[in-house]
Amino acid sequence: MKTPDSLPEMLRYKMYEKDLKQKQLASILGISEAFISGLLSGRRKLTMDLARKLHVQLGIDAEFLLMSE
């Protein structure tokens, strides 16, 4: 599998890696399932608060998150 190079790809990768559904990921991150759906489709943008949660909860590299649009 190639290294994810966008936030939606990274989220899908982490969901696969941890065997999570959108609903479970939303619960872990304390956000709505609709917001997760928006991130996966590229309609929603990453916030700094969510970037922190993704780093802490899923182990996504902080530099990757800062470089994501």
C-alpha atoms as a PDB file:
ATOM      1  CA  MET A   1       0.000   0.000   0.000  1.00  0.00           C
ATOM      2  CA  LYS A   2       1.344   3.434  -0.926  1.00  0.00           C
ATOM      3  CA  THR A   3       1.832   6.092   1.714  1.00  0.00           C
ATOM      4  CA  PRO A   4      -1.253   8.306   2.039  1.00  0.00           C
ATOM      5  CA  ASP A   5      -0.600  11.814   0.751  1.00  0.00           C
ATOM      6  CA  SER A   6      -3.853  13.575   1.625  1.00  0.00           C
ATOM      7  CA  LEU A   7      -5.959  13.843   4.757  1.00  0.00           C
ATOM      8  CA  PRO A   8      -8.863  11.793   3.350  1.00  0.00           C
ATOM      9  CA  GLU A   9      -6.431   9.034   2.290  1.00  0.00           C
ATOM     10  CA  MET A  10      -4.736   9.081   5.699  1.00  0.00           C
ATOM     11  CA  LEU A  11      -8.067   8.857   7.515  1.00  0.00           C
ATOM     12  CA  ARG A  12      -9.147   5.922   5.360  1.00  0.00           C
ATOM     13  CA  TYR A  13      -5.788   4.240   5.985  1.00  0.00           C
ATOM     14  CA  LYS A  14      -6.050   4.691   9.756  1.00  0.00           C
ATOM     15  CA  MET A  15      -9.669   3.491   9.738  1.00  0.00           C
ATOM     16  CA  TYR A  16      -8.559   0.360   7.853  1.00  0.00           C
ATOM     17  CA  GLU A  17      -5.518  -0.138  10.088  1.00  0.00           C
ATOM     18  CA  LYS A  18      -7.579   0.129  13.288  1.00  0.00           C
ATOM     19  CA  ASP A  19     -10.692  -1.538  11.819  1.00  0.00           C
ATOM     20  CA  LEU A  20     -12.899   1.491  12.537  1.00  0.00           C
ATOM     21  CA  LYS A  21     -16.179   2.568  10.985  1.00  0.00           C
ATOM     22  CA  GLN A  22     -16.995   6.261  10.516  1.00  0.00           C
ATOM     23  CA  LYS A  23     -19.297   6.181  13.535  1.00  0.00           C
ATOM     24  CA  GLN A  24     -16.568   4.712  15.754  1.00  0.00           C
ATOM     25  CA  LEU A  25     -13.975   7.218  14.548  1.00  0.00           C
ATOM     26  CA  ALA A  26     -16.384  10.097  15.170  1.00  0.00           C
ATOM     27  CA  SER A  27     -16.936   8.852  18.716  1.00  0.00           C
ATOM     28  CA  ILE A  28     -13.200   8.520  19.397  1.00  0.00           C
ATOM     29  CA  LEU A  29     -12.573  12.052  18.124  1.00  0.00           C
ATOM     30  CA  GLY A  30     -15.656  13.593  19.752  1.00  0.00           C
ATOM     31  CA  ILE A  31     -17.074  14.902  16.463  1.00  0.00           C
ATOM     32  CA  SER A  32     -20.125  14.076  14.379  1.00  0.00           C
ATOM     33  CA  GLU A  33     -20.288  11.310  11.826  1.00  0.00           C
ATOM     34  CA  ALA A  34     -21.302  13.968   9.274  1.00  0.00           C
ATOM     35  CA  PHE A  35     -18.057  15.852   9.958  1.00  0.00           C
ATOM     36  CA  ILE A  36     -16.043  12.655   9.390  1.00  0.00           C
ATOM     37  CA  SER A  37     -17.917  12.127   6.143  1.00  0.00           C
ATOM     38  CA  GLY A  38     -17.080  15.697   5.120  1.00  0.00           C
ATOM     39  CA  LEU A  39     -13.388  15.173   5.872  1.00  0.00           C
ATOM     40  CA  LEU A  40     -13.320  11.928   3.886  1.00  0.00           C
ATOM     41  CA  SER A  41     -14.969  13.591   0.897  1.00  0.00           C
ATOM     42  CA  GLY A  42     -12.805  16.714   1.105  1.00  0.00           C
ATOM     43  CA  ARG A  43     -15.778  19.007   1.802  1.00  0.00           C
ATOM     44  CA  ARG A  44     -14.637  19.794   5.351  1.00  0.00           C
ATOM     45  CA  LYS A  45     -11.348  21.360   6.406  1.00  0.00           C
ATOM     46  CA  LEU A  46      -9.120  20.332   9.268  1.00  0.00           C
ATOM     47  CA  THR A  47      -9.193  22.472  12.413  1.00  0.00           C
ATOM     48  CA  MET A  48      -6.268  22.793  14.829  1.00  0.00           C
ATOM     49  CA  ASP A  49      -8.311  21.127  17.586  1.00  0.00           C
ATOM     50  CA  LEU A  50      -9.119  18.186  15.335  1.00  0.00           C
ATOM     51  CA  ALA A  51      -5.483  17.998  14.177  1.00  0.00           C
ATOM     52  CA  ARG A  52      -4.443  17.581  17.825  1.00  0.00           C
ATOM     53  CA  LYS A  53      -7.010  14.817  18.317  1.00  0.00           C
ATOM     54  CA  LEU A  54      -5.903  13.008  15.155  1.00  0.00           C
ATOM     55  CA  HIS A  55      -2.295  13.177  16.313  1.00  0.00           C
ATOM     56  CA  VAL A  56      -3.010  11.954  19.848  1.00  0.00           C
ATOM     57  CA  GLN A  57      -5.774   9.420  19.159  1.00  0.00           C
ATOM     58  CA  LEU A  58      -4.641   7.969  15.810  1.00  0.00           C
ATOM     59  CA  GLY A  59      -0.919   8.709  15.845  1.00  0.00           C
ATOM     60  CA  ILE A  60      -0.992  10.730  12.633  1.00  0.00           C
ATOM     61  CA  ASP A  61       2.246  12.675  12.272  1.00  0.00           C
ATOM     62  CA  ALA A  62       1.835  16.319  13.321  1.00  0.00           C
ATOM     63  CA  GLU A  63       3.888  17.564  10.358  1.00  0.00           C
ATOM     64  CA  PHE A  64       1.622  15.652   7.949  1.00  0.00           C
ATOM     65  CA  LEU A  65      -1.432  17.258   9.551  1.00  0.00           C
ATOM     66  CA  LEU A  66       0.048  20.753   9.361  1.00  0.00           C
ATOM     67  CA  MET A  67       0.851  20.277   5.681  1.00  0.00           C
ATOM     68  CA  SER A  68      -2.677  19.006   4.915  1.00  0.00           C
ATOM     69  CA  GLU A  69      -5.138  21.408   3.407  1.00  0.00           C
END
